[in-house]
C-alpha atoms as a PDB file:
ATOM      1  CA  UNK A   1     102.801-114.398  58.765  1.00  0.00           C
ATOM      2  CA  UNK A   2     103.432-111.861  61.521  1.00  0.00           C
ATOM      3  CA  UNK A   3     104.145-108.164  60.973  1.00  0.00           C
ATOM      4  CA  UNK A   4     107.758-108.583  62.055  1.00  0.00           C
ATOM      5  CA  UNK A   5     108.164-111.450  59.578  1.00  0.00           C
ATOM      6  CA  UNK A   6     106.854-109.282  56.743  1.00  0.00           C
ATOM      7  CA  UNK A   7     109.223-106.475  57.740  1.00  0.00           C
ATOM      8  CA  UNK A   8     112.140-108.904  57.800  1.00  0.00           C
ATOM      9  CA  UNK A   9     111.363-110.059  54.252  1.00  0.00           C
ATOM     10  CA  UNK A  10     110.806-106.498  53.085  1.00  0.00           C
ATOM     11  CA  UNK A  11     114.154-105.300  54.445  1.00  0.00           C
ATOM     12  CA  UNK A  12     115.859-108.350  52.973  1.00  0.00           C
ATOM     13  CA  UNK A  13     114.579-107.526  49.475  1.00  0.00           C
ATOM     14  CA  UNK A  14     115.327-103.814  49.847  1.00  0.00           C
ATOM     15  CA  UNK A  15     118.917-104.469  50.862  1.00  0.00           C
ATOM     16  CA  UNK A  16     119.517-107.090  48.192  1.00  0.00           C
ATOM     17  CA  UNK A  17     117.989-104.861  45.514  1.00  0.00           C
ATOM     18  CA  UNK A  18     120.496-102.108  46.277  1.00  0.00           C
ATOM     19  CA  UNK A  19     123.299-104.612  45.743  1.00  0.00           C
ATOM     20  CA  UNK A  20     121.835-105.944  42.483  1.00  0.00           C
ATOM     21  CA  UNK A  21     121.222-102.435  41.134  1.00  0.00           C
ATOM     22  CA  UNK A  22     124.976-101.833  41.142  1.00  0.00           C
ATOM     23  CA  UNK A  23     125.306-104.596  38.538  1.00  0.00           C
ATOM     24  CA  UNK A  24     122.261-103.339  36.644  1.00  0.00           C
ATOM     25  CA  UNK A  25     123.863 -99.909  36.228  1.00  0.00           C
ATOM     26  CA  UNK A  26     127.030-101.357  34.686  1.00  0.00           C
ATOM     27  CA  UNK A  27     126.742-100.773  30.935  1.00  0.00           C
ATOM     28  CA  UNK A  28     127.997-103.775  28.996  1.00  0.00           C
ATOM     29  CA  UNK A  29     127.581-104.893  25.412  1.00  0.00           C
ATOM     30  CA  UNK A  30     128.017-108.637  25.135  1.00  0.00           C
ATOM     31  CA  UNK A  31     128.892-110.069  21.766  1.00  0.00           C
ATOM     32  CA  UNK A  32     126.607-113.095  22.167  1.00  0.00           C
ATOM     33  CA  UNK A  33     123.879-114.607  24.334  1.00  0.00           C
ATOM     34  CA  UNK A  34     126.263-117.049  25.970  1.00  0.00           C
ATOM     35  CA  UNK A  35     128.354-114.291  27.527  1.00  0.00           C
ATOM     36  CA  UNK A  36     125.216-112.350  28.492  1.00  0.00           C
ATOM     37  CA  UNK A  37     123.725-115.274  30.371  1.00  0.00           C
ATOM     38  CA  UNK A  38     127.058-116.128  31.959  1.00  0.00           C
ATOM     39  CA  UNK A  39     127.033-112.635  33.474  1.00  0.00           C
ATOM     40  CA  UNK A  40     123.398-112.995  34.530  1.00  0.00           C
ATOM     41  CA  UNK A  41     123.967-116.386  36.165  1.00  0.00           C
ATOM     42  CA  UNK A  42     126.848-114.991  38.208  1.00  0.00           C
ATOM     43  CA  UNK A  43     124.715-112.112  39.521  1.00  0.00           C
ATOM     44  CA  UNK A  44     121.577-114.207  39.989  1.00  0.00           C
ATOM     45  CA  UNK A  45     123.328-117.095  41.735  1.00  0.00           C
ATOM     46  CA  UNK A  46     124.939-114.710  44.217  1.00  0.00           C
ATOM     47  CA  UNK A  47     121.589-113.052  44.968  1.00  0.00           C
ATOM     48  CA  UNK A  48     119.800-116.393  45.233  1.00  0.00           C
ATOM     49  CA  UNK A  49     122.363-117.674  47.730  1.00  0.00           C
ATOM     50  CA  UNK A  50     121.826-114.599  49.912  1.00  0.00           C
ATOM     51  CA  UNK A  51     118.048-115.063  49.798  1.00  0.00           C
ATOM     52  CA  UNK A  52     118.227-118.771  50.570  1.00  0.00           C
ATOM     53  CA  UNK A  53     120.487-118.354  53.584  1.00  0.00           C
ATOM     54  CA  UNK A  54     118.562-115.377  54.980  1.00  0.00           C
ATOM     55  CA  UNK A  55     115.130-116.979  54.617  1.00  0.00           C
ATOM     56  CA  UNK A  56     116.008-120.480  55.808  1.00  0.00           C
ATOM     57  CA  UNK A  57     118.011-119.113  58.768  1.00  0.00           C
ATOM     58  CA  UNK A  58     115.123-116.883  59.873  1.00  0.00           C
ATOM     59  CA  UNK A  59     112.250-119.254  59.016  1.00  0.00           C
ATOM     60  CA  UNK A  60     113.890-122.391  60.331  1.00  0.00           C
ATOM     61  CA  UNK A  61     110.954-124.713  59.614  1.00  0.00           C
ATOM     62  CA  UNK A  62     110.735-123.863  55.903  1.00  0.00           C
ATOM     63  CA  UNK A  63     112.548-125.503  53.010  1.00  0.00           C
ATOM     64  CA  UNK A  64     113.942-124.060  49.773  1.00  0.00           C
ATOM     65  CA  UNK A  65     113.078-124.989  46.188  1.00  0.00           C
ATOM     66  CA  UNK A  66     115.754-124.813  43.487  1.00  0.00           C
ATOM     67  CA  UNK A  67     113.350-125.404  40.603  1.00  0.00           C
ATOM     68  CA  UNK A  68     112.631-121.810  39.551  1.00  0.00           C
ATOM     69  CA  UNK A  69     114.337-122.285  36.160  1.00  0.00           C
ATOM     70  CA  UNK A  70     113.433-125.949  35.623  1.00  0.00           C
ATOM     71  CA  UNK A  71     109.919-126.250  34.208  1.00  0.00           C
ATOM     72  CA  UNK A  72     110.290-130.021  33.940  1.00  0.00           C
ATOM     73  CA  UNK A  73     110.281-130.193  37.756  1.00  0.00           C
ATOM     74  CA  UNK A  74     107.332-127.845  38.194  1.00  0.00           C
ATOM     75  CA  UNK A  75     104.642-130.469  37.687  1.00  0.00           C
ATOM     76  CA  UNK A  76     103.920-131.033  41.374  1.00  0.00           C
ATOM     77  CA  UNK A  77     104.695-129.406  44.743  1.00  0.00           C
ATOM     78  CA  UNK A  78     108.321-129.756  45.790  1.00  0.00           C
ATOM     79  CA  UNK A  79     107.720-130.647  49.441  1.00  0.00           C
ATOM     80  CA  UNK A  80     105.031-131.614  51.914  1.00  0.00           C
ATOM     81  CA  UNK A  81     106.437-129.046  54.351  1.00  0.00           C
ATOM     82  CA  UNK A  82     106.261-125.286  53.774  1.00  0.00           C
ATOM     83  CA  UNK A  83     108.866-124.078  51.285  1.00  0.00           C
ATOM     84  CA  UNK A  84     110.107-120.965  49.498  1.00  0.00           C
ATOM     85  CA  UNK A  85     110.153-120.325  45.780  1.00  0.00           C
ATOM     86  CA  UNK A  86     112.101-117.233  44.788  1.00  0.00           C
ATOM     87  CA  UNK A  87     113.239-115.352  41.726  1.00  0.00           C
ATOM     88  CA  UNK A  88     115.961-112.909  42.696  1.00  0.00           C
ATOM     89  CA  UNK A  89     115.916-111.279  39.232  1.00  0.00           C
ATOM     90  CA  UNK A  90     112.596-111.805  37.469  1.00  0.00           C
ATOM     91  CA  UNK A  91     112.944-110.310  34.008  1.00  0.00           C
ATOM     92  CA  UNK A  92     116.417-111.517  33.062  1.00  0.00           C
ATOM     93  CA  UNK A  93     116.395-110.146  29.513  1.00  0.00           C
ATOM     94  CA  UNK A  94     115.327-106.683  30.668  1.00  0.00           C
ATOM     95  CA  UNK A  95     118.012-106.742  33.334  1.00  0.00           C
ATOM     96  CA  UNK A  96     120.754-107.782  30.931  1.00  0.00           C
ATOM     97  CA  UNK A  97     119.763-105.143  28.385  1.00  0.00           C
ATOM     98  CA  UNK A  98     119.575-102.384  30.982  1.00  0.00           C
ATOM     99  CA  UNK A  99     115.796-102.037  30.570  1.00  0.00           C
ATOM    100  CA  UNK A 100     113.192-101.541  33.296  1.00  0.00           C
ATOM    101  CA  UNK A 101     111.151-103.084  34.722  1.00  0.00           C
ATOM    102  CA  UNK A 102     112.577-106.158  36.353  1.00  0.00           C
ATOM    103  CA  UNK A 103     111.622-107.321  39.808  1.00  0.00           C
ATOM    104  CA  UNK A 104     112.347-109.632  42.723  1.00  0.00           C
ATOM    105  CA  UNK A 105     109.846-112.177  44.033  1.00  0.00           C
ATOM    106  CA  UNK A 106     109.600-114.483  47.027  1.00  0.00           C
ATOM    107  CA  UNK A 107     106.652-116.770  47.738  1.00  0.00           C
ATOM    108  CA  UNK A 108     105.981-119.063  50.680  1.00  0.00           C
ATOM    109  CA  UNK A 109     104.212-122.253  49.619  1.00  0.00           C
ATOM    110  CA  UNK A 110     102.268-124.951  51.457  1.00  0.00           C
ATOM    111  CA  UNK A 111     102.043-127.861  49.037  1.00  0.00           C
ATOM    112  CA  UNK A 112     100.456-126.261  45.939  1.00  0.00           C
ATOM    113  CA  UNK A 113      99.040-123.194  47.696  1.00  0.00           C
ATOM    114  CA  UNK A 114     100.805-119.828  48.075  1.00  0.00           C
ATOM    115  CA  UNK A 115     100.507-118.445  51.620  1.00  0.00           C
ATOM    116  CA  UNK A 116     102.548-115.265  51.335  1.00  0.00           C
ATOM    117  CA  UNK A 117     104.261-113.364  48.547  1.00  0.00           C
ATOM    118  CA  UNK A 118     106.325-110.260  47.875  1.00  0.00           C
ATOM    119  CA  UNK A 119     107.063-108.633  44.524  1.00  0.00           C
ATOM    120  CA  UNK A 120     109.503-105.723  44.606  1.00  0.00           C
ATOM    121  CA  UNK A 121     110.173-103.453  41.625  1.00  0.00           C
ATOM    122  CA  UNK A 122     113.389-101.577  42.521  1.00  0.00           C
ATOM    123  CA  UNK A 123     113.312 -98.880  39.821  1.00  0.00           C
ATOM    124  CA  UNK A 124     109.934 -97.526  40.968  1.00  0.00           C
ATOM    125  CA  UNK A 125     110.481 -98.664  44.571  1.00  0.00           C
ATOM    126  CA  UNK A 126     107.117-100.412  44.510  1.00  0.00           C
ATOM    127  CA  UNK A 127     106.644-103.130  47.086  1.00  0.00           C
ATOM    128  CA  UNK A 128     103.686-105.484  46.578  1.00  0.00           C
ATOM    129  CA  UNK A 129     102.806-108.146  49.100  1.00  0.00           C
ATOM    130  CA  UNK A 130      99.915-110.415  50.007  1.00  0.00           C
ATOM    131  CA  UNK A 131      99.092-112.810  52.831  1.00  0.00           C
ATOM    132  CA  UNK A 132      96.438-115.444  52.259  1.00  0.00           C
ATOM    133  CA  UNK A 133      93.053-114.263  53.573  1.00  0.00           C
ATOM    134  CA  UNK A 134      94.559-110.929  54.685  1.00  0.00           C
ATOM    135  CA  UNK A 135      94.521-108.871  51.486  1.00  0.00           C
ATOM    136  CA  UNK A 136      97.065-107.497  49.018  1.00  0.00           C
ATOM    137  CA  UNK A 137      99.018-104.251  49.413  1.00  0.00           C
ATOM    138  CA  UNK A 138     101.260-101.853  47.513  1.00  0.00           C
ATOM    139  CA  UNK A 139     103.548 -99.744  49.723  1.00  0.00           C
ATOM    140  CA  UNK A 140     101.046-100.205  52.553  1.00  0.00           C
ATOM    141  CA  UNK A 141      97.899 -99.345  50.571  1.00  0.00           C
ATOM    142  CA  UNK A 142      95.244-102.043  50.147  1.00  0.00           C
ATOM    143  CA  UNK A 143      94.745-103.207  46.571  1.00  0.00           C
ATOM    144  CA  UNK A 144      91.647-103.929  44.494  1.00  0.00           C
ATOM    145  CA  UNK A 145      91.430-105.213  40.953  1.00  0.00           C
ATOM    146  CA  UNK A 146      89.880-103.209  38.122  1.00  0.00           C
ATOM    147  CA  UNK A 147      86.084-103.000  37.991  1.00  0.00           C
ATOM    148  CA  UNK A 148      85.781-102.903  34.173  1.00  0.00           C
ATOM    149  CA  UNK A 149      83.294-105.440  32.814  1.00  0.00           C
ATOM    150  CA  UNK A 150      83.335-104.633  29.088  1.00  0.00           C
ATOM    151  CA  UNK A 151      86.085-106.501  27.235  1.00  0.00           C
ATOM    152  CA  UNK A 152      86.221-103.812  24.569  1.00  0.00           C
ATOM    153  CA  UNK A 153      87.454-101.303  27.171  1.00  0.00           C
ATOM    154  CA  UNK A 154      90.021-103.644  28.726  1.00  0.00           C
ATOM    155  CA  UNK A 155      93.767-103.068  28.855  1.00  0.00           C
ATOM    156  CA  UNK A 156      95.556-106.393  29.153  1.00  0.00           C
ATOM    157  CA  UNK A 157      99.056-107.675  29.747  1.00  0.00           C
ATOM    158  CA  UNK A 158     100.627-110.818  28.341  1.00  0.00           C
ATOM    159  CA  UNK A 159     103.957-112.595  27.855  1.00  0.00           C
ATOM    160  CA  UNK A 160     105.237-114.881  25.148  1.00  0.00           C
ATOM    161  CA  UNK A 161     107.170-118.111  25.887  1.00  0.00           C
ATOM    162  CA  UNK A 162     110.782-117.553  26.915  1.00  0.00           C
ATOM    163  CA  UNK A 163     112.020-119.674  24.019  1.00  0.00           C
ATOM    164  CA  UNK A 164     109.888-118.623  21.046  1.00  0.00           C
ATOM    165  CA  UNK A 165     111.641-120.844  18.523  1.00  0.00           C
ATOM    166  CA  UNK A 166     112.088-123.852  20.803  1.00  0.00           C
ATOM    167  CA  UNK A 167     108.685-123.937  22.512  1.00  0.00           C
ATOM    168  CA  UNK A 168     106.652-124.514  19.370  1.00  0.00           C
ATOM    169  CA  UNK A 169     103.418-125.586  21.076  1.00  0.00           C
ATOM    170  CA  UNK A 170     103.093-122.661  23.477  1.00  0.00           C
ATOM    171  CA  UNK A 171     104.338-120.169  20.886  1.00  0.00           C
ATOM    172  CA  UNK A 172     101.558-121.364  18.576  1.00  0.00           C
ATOM    173  CA  UNK A 173      98.964-121.021  21.330  1.00  0.00           C
ATOM    174  CA  UNK A 174     100.271-117.551  22.166  1.00  0.00           C
ATOM    175  CA  UNK A 175     100.024-116.337  18.562  1.00  0.00           C
ATOM    176  CA  UNK A 176      96.492-117.732  18.178  1.00  0.00           C
ATOM    177  CA  UNK A 177      95.461-116.201  21.508  1.00  0.00           C
ATOM    178  CA  UNK A 178      96.859-112.800  20.568  1.00  0.00           C
ATOM    179  CA  UNK A 179      94.977-112.889  17.277  1.00  0.00           C
ATOM    180  CA  UNK A 180      91.690-113.596  19.069  1.00  0.00           C
ATOM    181  CA  UNK A 181      92.294-111.059  21.837  1.00  0.00           C
ATOM    182  CA  UNK A 182      93.354-108.272  19.467  1.00  0.00           C
ATOM    183  CA  UNK A 183      89.884-108.242  17.901  1.00  0.00           C
ATOM    184  CA  UNK A 184      88.106-107.904  21.233  1.00  0.00           C
ATOM    185  CA  UNK A 185      90.038-105.649  23.636  1.00  0.00           C
ATOM    186  CA  UNK A 186      91.016-101.985  23.649  1.00  0.00           C
ATOM    187  CA  UNK A 187      94.763-102.564  24.135  1.00  0.00           C
ATOM    188  CA  UNK A 188      97.260-105.161  25.250  1.00  0.00           C
ATOM    189  CA  UNK A 189     100.998-105.138  25.765  1.00  0.00           C
ATOM    190  CA  UNK A 190     103.945-107.048  27.204  1.00  0.00           C
ATOM    191  CA  UNK A 191     105.113-104.989  30.180  1.00  0.00           C
ATOM    192  CA  UNK A 192     107.810-107.149  31.705  1.00  0.00           C
ATOM    193  CA  UNK A 193     107.970-110.113  34.105  1.00  0.00           C
ATOM    194  CA  UNK A 194     104.792-112.146  34.599  1.00  0.00           C
ATOM    195  CA  UNK A 195     104.858-111.664  38.370  1.00  0.00           C
ATOM    196  CA  UNK A 196     104.970-107.889  37.980  1.00  0.00           C
ATOM    197  CA  UNK A 197     102.206-107.810  35.366  1.00  0.00           C
ATOM    198  CA  UNK A 198     100.036-109.866  37.716  1.00  0.00           C
ATOM    199  CA  UNK A 199     100.819-107.343  40.457  1.00  0.00           C
ATOM    200  CA  UNK A 200      99.582-104.663  38.038  1.00  0.00           C
ATOM    201  CA  UNK A 201      96.330-106.611  37.671  1.00  0.00           C
ATOM    202  CA  UNK A 202      96.030-106.716  41.460  1.00  0.00           C
ATOM    203  CA  UNK A 203      96.329-102.932  41.720  1.00  0.00           C
ATOM    204  CA  UNK A 204      94.058-102.207  38.732  1.00  0.00           C
ATOM    205  CA  UNK A 205      96.677-100.827  36.332  1.00  0.00           C
ATOM    206  CA  UNK A 206      95.974-103.752  34.044  1.00  0.00           C
ATOM    207  CA  UNK A 207      92.430-105.057  33.676  1.00  0.00           C
ATOM    208  CA  UNK A 208      93.628-108.570  32.969  1.00  0.00           C
ATOM    209  CA  UNK A 209      96.501-110.822  32.052  1.00  0.00           C
ATOM    210  CA  UNK A 210      96.867-114.017  30.023  1.00  0.00           C
ATOM    211  CA  UNK A 211      99.778-116.283  29.231  1.00  0.00           C
ATOM    212  CA  UNK A 212     100.321-119.784  27.869  1.00  0.00           C
ATOM    213  CA  UNK A 213     102.871-122.255  29.181  1.00  0.00           C
ATOM    214  CA  UNK A 214     103.628-124.295  32.272  1.00  0.00           C
ATOM    215  CA  UNK A 215     106.052-122.059  34.175  1.00  0.00           C
ATOM    216  CA  UNK A 216     103.833-121.942  37.247  1.00  0.00           C
ATOM    217  CA  UNK A 217     106.639-120.723  39.527  1.00  0.00           C
ATOM    218  CA  UNK A 218     106.490-117.411  37.651  1.00  0.00           C
ATOM    219  CA  UNK A 219     102.778-117.070  38.429  1.00  0.00           C
ATOM    220  CA  UNK A 220     102.113-118.333  41.958  1.00  0.00           C
ATOM    221  CA  UNK A 221     103.098-115.153  43.800  1.00  0.00           C
ATOM    222  CA  UNK A 222     101.262-112.862  41.398  1.00  0.00           C
ATOM    223  CA  UNK A 223      98.251-115.158  41.500  1.00  0.00           C
ATOM    224  CA  UNK A 224      98.006-114.700  45.271  1.00  0.00           C
ATOM    225  CA  UNK A 225      98.185-110.911  44.844  1.00  0.00           C
ATOM    226  CA  UNK A 226      95.319-110.985  42.340  1.00  0.00           C
ATOM    227  CA  UNK A 227      93.140-113.285  44.453  1.00  0.00           C
ATOM    228  CA  UNK A 228      93.684-111.230  47.600  1.00  0.00           C
ATOM    229  CA  UNK A 229      92.779-108.078  45.635  1.00  0.00           C
ATOM    230  CA  UNK A 230      89.406-109.604  44.679  1.00  0.00           C
ATOM    231  CA  UNK A 231      90.344-111.053  41.308  1.00  0.00           C
ATOM    232  CA  UNK A 232      89.919-114.409  39.613  1.00  0.00           C
ATOM    233  CA  UNK A 233      92.767-116.749  38.638  1.00  0.00           C
ATOM    234  CA  UNK A 234      92.373-119.755  36.327  1.00  0.00           C
ATOM    235  CA  UNK A 235      94.406-121.701  33.826  1.00  0.00           C
ATOM    236  CA  UNK A 236      93.865-121.060  30.106  1.00  0.00           C
ATOM    237  CA  UNK A 237      90.936-123.502  30.060  1.00  0.00           C
ATOM    238  CA  UNK A 238      89.086-121.858  32.962  1.00  0.00           C
ATOM    239  CA  UNK A 239      90.046-124.423  35.591  1.00  0.00           C
ATOM    240  CA  UNK A 240      91.662-123.685  38.952  1.00  0.00           C
ATOM    241  CA  UNK A 241      95.314-122.784  38.565  1.00  0.00           C
ATOM    242  CA  UNK A 242      97.323-125.824  39.608  1.00  0.00           C
ATOM    243  CA  UNK A 243     100.579-127.566  38.878  1.00  0.00           C
ATOM    244  CA  UNK A 244     100.821-129.340  35.511  1.00  0.00           C
ATOM    245  CA  UNK A 245      98.197-127.214  33.749  1.00  0.00           C
ATOM    246  CA  UNK A 246      98.533-124.865  30.806  1.00  0.00           C
ATOM    247  CA  UNK A 247      98.544-121.114  31.105  1.00  0.00           C
ATOM    248  CA  UNK A 248      97.052-118.460  33.352  1.00  0.00           C
ATOM    249  CA  UNK A 249      94.201-115.954  33.050  1.00  0.00           C
ATOM    250  CA  UNK A 250      93.781-113.175  35.624  1.00  0.00           C
ATOM    251  CA  UNK A 251      91.095-110.470  35.856  1.00  0.00           C
ATOM    252  CA  UNK A 252      88.092-109.506  37.936  1.00  0.00           C
ATOM    253  CA  UNK A 253      85.534-112.364  38.038  1.00  0.00           C
ATOM    254  CA  UNK A 254      83.196-110.910  35.395  1.00  0.00           C
ATOM    255  CA  UNK A 255      85.902-109.886  32.933  1.00  0.00           C
ATOM    256  CA  UNK A 256      87.705-113.184  33.472  1.00  0.00           C
ATOM    257  CA  UNK A 257      84.744-115.148  32.085  1.00  0.00           C
ATOM    258  CA  UNK A 258      84.634-112.950  28.990  1.00  0.00           C
ATOM    259  CA  UNK A 259      88.373-113.171  28.513  1.00  0.00           C
ATOM    260  CA  UNK A 260      88.299-116.964  28.791  1.00  0.00           C
ATOM    261  CA  UNK A 261      85.464-117.181  26.293  1.00  0.00           C
ATOM    262  CA  UNK A 262      87.487-115.077  23.866  1.00  0.00           C
ATOM    263  CA  UNK A 263      90.642-117.151  24.338  1.00  0.00           C
ATOM    264  CA  UNK A 264      88.884-120.502  24.094  1.00  0.00           C
ATOM    265  CA  UNK A 265      86.558-119.812  21.164  1.00  0.00           C
END
């Protein structure tokens, strides 16, 4: 990924964010979830179409994945060629309720491996990006994960399944995990989209992050940020993060082992 390519992607997200923020500022009170998500889908589909055209026109040899919201199709890489996975509004519920943060993410994949990612948080104007083997950055400053090694001092982030009532298995794992973690860490919270919380791990604001589920498209970009900032990424069982595995754990390498032991005990 060349400097001019990074700048192109950065300017694309900046410009699109200004357009999306106009919708974010509109105060609406929907009477039900159906009308809320109808509004979100209209805004998100428009933004996604802009991203797809801009990225595939500029990077002519890359493909586009439409499986961001379809976990059933996230069990294996979409293509053998390089392809984009994007979430034009990551943090849909926050966005719809007029709550910050929400963010925008784009990630360039080669089979199951992220090569390049950007996470942009428009409210704070924070622009995270990482290129494989070239480091992770926030607004141009190189990132490093937290150096805490004692779990009792750790501040963690997490997220529950999107469908608490419908996803019984992962909701159960989440509640058990929270119960174990609460006894061992200083503090944990749910601070918004998974990709953004992983970016916070990469820059040391959070000491670690854990989540159960199989929505790997939400994690791949943030996982690259953490790895390039010197952190460790595994699934919830301590294995390499891959398609068709459960959960994610992110922290510095020493704290990650302690966090996994706590989660798996």
